[in-house]
């Protein structure tokens, strides 16, 4: 069984009143050094079996039409796994437990 995560965030150009409210509260609570706060949402989807190209495309459609509002939000889909991140210095590898799902682009679908 695989766990697919869909992270949804407001697009950078969209005002984030909840993030601004949290930012204001941080200052009142004495927490300094925070540059900005953005609010988002996370969906965890348990999938039976392996994630093939067809399922990845269906998950992408789900994320783009039901889980997010494409006018004001961006989303990222990935599979959480048991992988261990490498221990090299100054690494650009994926964090532990994160596997990108290969979703075909619109051009590849055509």
N, C-alpha and C. Protein backbone atom coordinates (compact mmCIF):
# COMPACT_ATOMS: atom_id res chain seq x y z
N UNK A 1 0.85 -1.17 0.00
CA UNK A 1 0.00 0.00 0.00
C UNK A 1 0.89 1.23 0.00
N UNK A 2 0.56 2.18 -0.83
CA UNK A 2 1.35 3.41 -0.94
C UNK A 2 0.55 4.59 -0.38
N UNK A 3 1.27 5.57 0.08
CA UNK A 3 0.64 6.80 0.55
C UNK A 3 1.08 7.93 -0.37
N UNK A 4 0.09 8.56 -1.00
CA UNK A 4 0.34 9.69 -1.88
C UNK A 4 -0.04 10.96 -1.12
N UNK A 5 0.82 11.95 -1.19
CA UNK A 5 0.57 13.22 -0.52
C UNK A 5 0.38 14.30 -1.57
N UNK A 6 -0.66 15.10 -1.37
CA UNK A 6 -0.90 16.26 -2.23
C UNK A 6 -0.80 17.49 -1.33
N UNK A 7 0.22 18.31 -1.55
CA UNK A 7 0.37 19.57 -0.83
C UNK A 7 -0.19 20.68 -1.70
N UNK A 8 -1.10 21.46 -1.14
CA UNK A 8 -1.74 22.55 -1.86
C UNK A 8 -1.39 23.86 -1.17
N UNK A 9 -0.90 24.81 -1.95
CA UNK A 9 -0.52 26.13 -1.41
C UNK A 9 -1.11 27.22 -2.30
N UNK A 10 -1.42 28.35 -1.67
CA UNK A 10 -1.83 29.51 -2.46
C UNK A 10 -0.68 29.92 -3.37
N UNK A 11 -1.00 30.37 -4.57
CA UNK A 11 0.04 30.86 -5.47
C UNK A 11 0.71 32.07 -4.80
N UNK A 12 1.99 32.29 -5.10
CA UNK A 12 2.73 33.37 -4.43
C UNK A 12 2.10 34.75 -4.59
N UNK A 13 1.43 34.99 -5.71
CA UNK A 13 0.84 36.32 -5.95
C UNK A 13 -0.51 36.51 -5.25
N UNK A 14 -1.04 35.47 -4.64
CA UNK A 14 -2.33 35.54 -3.95
C UNK A 14 -2.11 35.92 -2.49
N UNK A 15 -2.85 36.92 -2.02
CA UNK A 15 -2.75 37.31 -0.62
C UNK A 15 -3.18 36.16 0.28
N UNK A 16 -2.53 36.03 1.42
CA UNK A 16 -2.79 34.94 2.35
C UNK A 16 -3.16 35.53 3.71
N UNK A 17 -4.44 35.84 3.94
CA UNK A 17 -4.83 36.47 5.20
C UNK A 17 -4.57 35.57 6.42
N UNK A 18 -4.73 34.26 6.29
CA UNK A 18 -4.47 33.38 7.43
C UNK A 18 -2.98 33.37 7.76
N UNK A 19 -2.14 33.32 6.75
CA UNK A 19 -0.70 33.39 6.97
C UNK A 19 -0.30 34.70 7.61
N UNK A 20 -0.90 35.82 7.19
CA UNK A 20 -0.60 37.12 7.78
C UNK A 20 -1.05 37.16 9.24
N UNK A 21 -2.22 36.55 9.55
CA UNK A 21 -2.70 36.52 10.93
C UNK A 21 -1.73 35.73 11.83
N UNK A 22 -1.25 34.60 11.33
CA UNK A 22 -0.28 33.81 12.08
C UNK A 22 1.00 34.60 12.26
N UNK A 23 1.44 35.28 11.22
CA UNK A 23 2.66 36.08 11.30
C UNK A 23 2.53 37.15 12.39
N UNK A 24 1.37 37.81 12.43
CA UNK A 24 1.14 38.82 13.47
C UNK A 24 1.14 38.21 14.87
N UNK A 25 0.55 37.03 15.01
CA UNK A 25 0.51 36.37 16.31
C UNK A 25 1.90 35.96 16.78
N UNK A 26 2.76 35.55 15.86
CA UNK A 26 4.12 35.15 16.23
C UNK A 26 4.85 36.29 16.92
N UNK A 27 4.71 37.49 16.36
CA UNK A 27 5.35 38.66 16.97
C UNK A 27 4.81 38.94 18.36
N UNK A 28 3.50 38.83 18.50
CA UNK A 28 2.88 39.07 19.81
C UNK A 28 3.30 38.02 20.84
N UNK A 29 3.61 36.84 20.36
CA UNK A 29 4.05 35.76 21.25
C UNK A 29 5.55 35.80 21.53
N UNK A 30 6.22 36.76 20.93
CA UNK A 30 7.65 36.94 21.18
C UNK A 30 8.56 36.10 20.31
N UNK A 31 8.02 35.47 19.30
CA UNK A 31 8.85 34.68 18.39
C UNK A 31 9.34 35.59 17.27
N UNK A 32 10.61 35.83 17.23
CA UNK A 32 11.19 36.73 16.23
C UNK A 32 12.02 35.94 15.24
N UNK A 33 12.40 36.61 14.16
CA UNK A 33 13.25 35.98 13.16
C UNK A 33 12.50 35.22 12.09
N UNK A 34 11.17 35.28 12.09
CA UNK A 34 10.37 34.61 11.07
C UNK A 34 10.11 35.62 9.95
N UNK A 35 10.49 35.28 8.73
CA UNK A 35 10.36 36.21 7.61
C UNK A 35 8.95 36.22 7.03
N UNK A 36 8.30 35.05 6.93
CA UNK A 36 6.95 35.01 6.39
C UNK A 36 6.29 33.69 6.75
N UNK A 37 4.97 33.68 6.65
CA UNK A 37 4.18 32.47 6.90
C UNK A 37 3.15 32.37 5.79
N UNK A 38 3.02 31.20 5.18
CA UNK A 38 1.99 30.93 4.18
C UNK A 38 1.20 29.72 4.64
N UNK A 39 -0.09 29.77 4.51
CA UNK A 39 -0.98 28.69 4.91
C UNK A 39 -1.24 27.79 3.73
N UNK A 40 -1.37 26.50 3.98
CA UNK A 40 -1.68 25.56 2.92
C UNK A 40 -2.47 24.39 3.48
N UNK A 41 -2.63 23.36 2.66
CA UNK A 41 -3.32 22.16 3.12
C UNK A 41 -2.62 20.93 2.55
N UNK A 42 -2.76 19.83 3.26
CA UNK A 42 -2.10 18.58 2.89
C UNK A 42 -3.15 17.48 2.87
N UNK A 43 -3.15 16.71 1.79
CA UNK A 43 -4.03 15.55 1.66
C UNK A 43 -3.16 14.30 1.60
N UNK A 44 -3.51 13.27 2.38
CA UNK A 44 -2.83 11.99 2.34
C UNK A 44 -3.81 10.96 1.79
N UNK A 45 -3.41 10.30 0.72
CA UNK A 45 -4.28 9.34 0.04
C UNK A 45 -3.60 7.97 0.07
N UNK A 46 -4.27 7.00 0.68
CA UNK A 46 -3.76 5.63 0.71
C UNK A 46 -4.19 4.93 -0.58
N UNK A 47 -3.23 4.34 -1.28
CA UNK A 47 -3.49 3.70 -2.56
C UNK A 47 -3.14 2.22 -2.44
N UNK A 48 -4.05 1.38 -2.91
CA UNK A 48 -3.76 -0.05 -2.92
C UNK A 48 -2.88 -0.38 -4.12
N UNK A 49 -1.84 -1.16 -3.89
CA UNK A 49 -0.97 -1.58 -4.98
C UNK A 49 0.03 -0.50 -5.38
N UNK A 50 0.62 -0.71 -6.54
CA UNK A 50 1.64 0.19 -7.07
C UNK A 50 1.00 1.37 -7.80
N UNK A 51 1.75 2.45 -7.90
CA UNK A 51 1.28 3.62 -8.63
C UNK A 51 1.86 3.57 -10.04
N UNK A 52 1.00 3.26 -11.01
CA UNK A 52 1.44 3.21 -12.40
C UNK A 52 1.12 4.55 -13.08
N UNK A 53 1.45 4.66 -14.35
CA UNK A 53 1.26 5.92 -15.08
C UNK A 53 -0.21 6.33 -15.13
N UNK A 54 -1.11 5.36 -15.30
CA UNK A 54 -2.54 5.69 -15.37
C UNK A 54 -3.05 6.24 -14.05
N UNK A 55 -2.67 5.59 -12.95
CA UNK A 55 -3.10 6.07 -11.63
C UNK A 55 -2.48 7.42 -11.32
N UNK A 56 -1.21 7.61 -11.68
CA UNK A 56 -0.55 8.90 -11.45
C UNK A 56 -1.29 10.02 -12.18
N UNK A 57 -1.73 9.75 -13.40
CA UNK A 57 -2.46 10.75 -14.17
C UNK A 57 -3.82 11.03 -13.51
N UNK A 58 -4.50 9.99 -13.03
CA UNK A 58 -5.79 10.18 -12.36
C UNK A 58 -5.62 10.97 -11.07
N UNK A 59 -4.56 10.71 -10.32
CA UNK A 59 -4.28 11.47 -9.11
C UNK A 59 -3.99 12.93 -9.42
N UNK A 60 -3.27 13.17 -10.51
CA UNK A 60 -2.99 14.54 -10.93
C UNK A 60 -4.29 15.26 -11.29
N UNK A 61 -5.18 14.59 -12.00
CA UNK A 61 -6.48 15.17 -12.34
C UNK A 61 -7.28 15.48 -11.07
N UNK A 62 -7.26 14.56 -10.12
CA UNK A 62 -7.94 14.76 -8.84
C UNK A 62 -7.40 15.97 -8.10
N UNK A 63 -6.09 16.07 -8.05
CA UNK A 63 -5.45 17.19 -7.35
C UNK A 63 -5.77 18.52 -8.03
N UNK A 64 -5.80 18.52 -9.35
CA UNK A 64 -6.02 19.75 -10.09
C UNK A 64 -7.47 20.18 -10.18
N UNK A 65 -8.40 19.27 -9.92
CA UNK A 65 -9.80 19.63 -10.07
C UNK A 65 -10.60 19.61 -8.77
N UNK A 66 -10.29 18.71 -7.86
CA UNK A 66 -11.07 18.58 -6.63
C UNK A 66 -10.33 19.10 -5.40
N UNK A 67 -9.05 18.78 -5.28
CA UNK A 67 -8.31 19.12 -4.07
C UNK A 67 -7.76 20.54 -4.07
N UNK A 68 -7.67 21.15 -5.24
CA UNK A 68 -7.13 22.51 -5.32
C UNK A 68 -7.98 23.35 -6.26
N UNK A 69 -7.84 24.64 -6.12
CA UNK A 69 -8.47 25.60 -7.03
C UNK A 69 -7.35 26.13 -7.92
N UNK A 70 -7.26 25.67 -9.17
CA UNK A 70 -6.12 26.03 -10.02
C UNK A 70 -5.99 27.52 -10.31
N UNK A 71 -7.04 28.29 -10.05
CA UNK A 71 -6.96 29.73 -10.28
C UNK A 71 -6.08 30.39 -9.23
N UNK A 72 -6.16 29.92 -7.98
CA UNK A 72 -5.43 30.58 -6.90
C UNK A 72 -4.44 29.68 -6.16
N UNK A 73 -4.42 28.37 -6.49
CA UNK A 73 -3.56 27.45 -5.75
C UNK A 73 -2.68 26.62 -6.69
N UNK A 74 -1.50 26.28 -6.18
CA UNK A 74 -0.60 25.33 -6.82
C UNK A 74 -0.60 24.06 -5.98
N UNK A 75 -0.25 22.94 -6.58
CA UNK A 75 -0.17 21.70 -5.81
C UNK A 75 1.05 20.90 -6.23
N UNK A 76 1.47 20.04 -5.33
CA UNK A 76 2.58 19.14 -5.57
C UNK A 76 2.15 17.75 -5.11
N UNK A 77 2.43 16.74 -5.91
CA UNK A 77 2.07 15.36 -5.58
C UNK A 77 3.35 14.55 -5.42
N UNK A 78 3.40 13.77 -4.35
CA UNK A 78 4.52 12.86 -4.18
C UNK A 78 4.09 11.65 -3.37
N UNK A 79 4.87 10.60 -3.46
CA UNK A 79 4.60 9.37 -2.72
C UNK A 79 5.53 9.30 -1.52
N UNK A 80 4.95 9.07 -0.36
CA UNK A 80 5.77 8.86 0.82
C UNK A 80 6.20 7.41 0.85
N UNK A 81 7.49 7.18 1.06
CA UNK A 81 8.00 5.81 1.08
C UNK A 81 8.91 5.61 2.27
N UNK A 82 9.59 4.49 2.26
CA UNK A 82 10.50 4.16 3.35
C UNK A 82 11.95 4.43 2.96
N UNK A 83 12.17 5.19 1.91
CA UNK A 83 13.52 5.45 1.44
C UNK A 83 14.30 6.26 2.48
N UNK A 84 15.58 6.05 2.51
CA UNK A 84 16.44 6.79 3.42
C UNK A 84 17.23 7.79 2.59
N UNK A 85 17.23 9.03 3.03
CA UNK A 85 17.98 10.07 2.31
C UNK A 85 19.47 9.78 2.42
N UNK A 86 20.21 10.20 1.42
CA UNK A 86 21.65 9.99 1.46
C UNK A 86 22.26 10.85 2.56
N UNK A 87 23.48 10.56 2.94
CA UNK A 87 24.12 11.32 4.00
C UNK A 87 25.29 12.15 3.48
N UNK A 88 25.24 12.50 2.19
CA UNK A 88 26.33 13.29 1.63
C UNK A 88 26.20 14.75 2.07
N UNK A 89 27.30 15.48 2.07
CA UNK A 89 27.28 16.89 2.44
C UNK A 89 26.80 17.74 1.29
N UNK A 90 26.09 18.82 1.60
CA UNK A 90 25.61 19.78 0.60
C UNK A 90 24.84 19.06 -0.51
N UNK A 91 23.89 18.23 -0.11
CA UNK A 91 23.18 17.35 -1.03
C UNK A 91 21.91 18.01 -1.56
N UNK A 92 21.52 17.66 -2.78
CA UNK A 92 20.26 18.13 -3.35
C UNK A 92 19.30 16.96 -3.54
N UNK A 93 19.55 15.86 -2.86
CA UNK A 93 18.69 14.68 -2.96
C UNK A 93 17.34 14.97 -2.32
N UNK A 94 16.35 14.13 -2.63
CA UNK A 94 15.03 14.25 -2.04
C UNK A 94 15.12 13.96 -0.54
N UNK A 95 14.26 14.58 0.26
CA UNK A 95 14.22 14.25 1.69
C UNK A 95 13.85 12.79 1.90
N UNK A 96 14.17 12.25 3.06
CA UNK A 96 13.84 10.86 3.36
C UNK A 96 12.35 10.63 3.25
N UNK A 97 11.97 9.53 2.62
CA UNK A 97 10.57 9.16 2.56
C UNK A 97 9.78 9.86 1.48
N UNK A 98 10.42 10.58 0.59
CA UNK A 98 9.69 11.30 -0.46
C UNK A 98 10.11 10.76 -1.82
N UNK A 99 9.13 10.36 -2.61
CA UNK A 99 9.38 9.88 -3.97
C UNK A 99 8.46 10.64 -4.89
N UNK A 100 9.01 11.38 -5.84
CA UNK A 100 8.17 12.09 -6.80
C UNK A 100 7.39 11.11 -7.65
N UNK A 101 6.14 11.45 -7.92
CA UNK A 101 5.31 10.64 -8.82
C UNK A 101 5.47 11.20 -10.21
N UNK A 102 5.78 10.35 -11.17
CA UNK A 102 5.99 10.78 -12.54
C UNK A 102 4.64 10.98 -13.22
N UNK A 103 4.20 12.25 -13.28
CA UNK A 103 2.93 12.59 -13.92
C UNK A 103 3.23 13.17 -15.29
N UNK A 104 2.67 12.62 -16.36
CA UNK A 104 2.96 13.14 -17.69
C UNK A 104 2.47 14.58 -17.85
N UNK A 105 3.25 15.38 -18.54
CA UNK A 105 2.86 16.75 -18.82
C UNK A 105 1.79 16.77 -19.91
N UNK A 106 1.16 17.92 -20.11
CA UNK A 106 0.13 18.05 -21.14
C UNK A 106 0.69 17.72 -22.52
N UNK A 107 1.93 18.12 -22.77
CA UNK A 107 2.55 17.84 -24.07
C UNK A 107 2.78 16.34 -24.24
N UNK A 108 3.17 15.65 -23.17
CA UNK A 108 3.40 14.22 -23.26
C UNK A 108 2.09 13.45 -23.42
N UNK A 109 0.98 13.99 -22.90
CA UNK A 109 -0.31 13.34 -23.03
C UNK A 109 -0.82 13.39 -24.46
N UNK A 110 -0.43 14.43 -25.20
CA UNK A 110 -0.94 14.64 -26.57
C UNK A 110 -0.34 13.68 -27.56
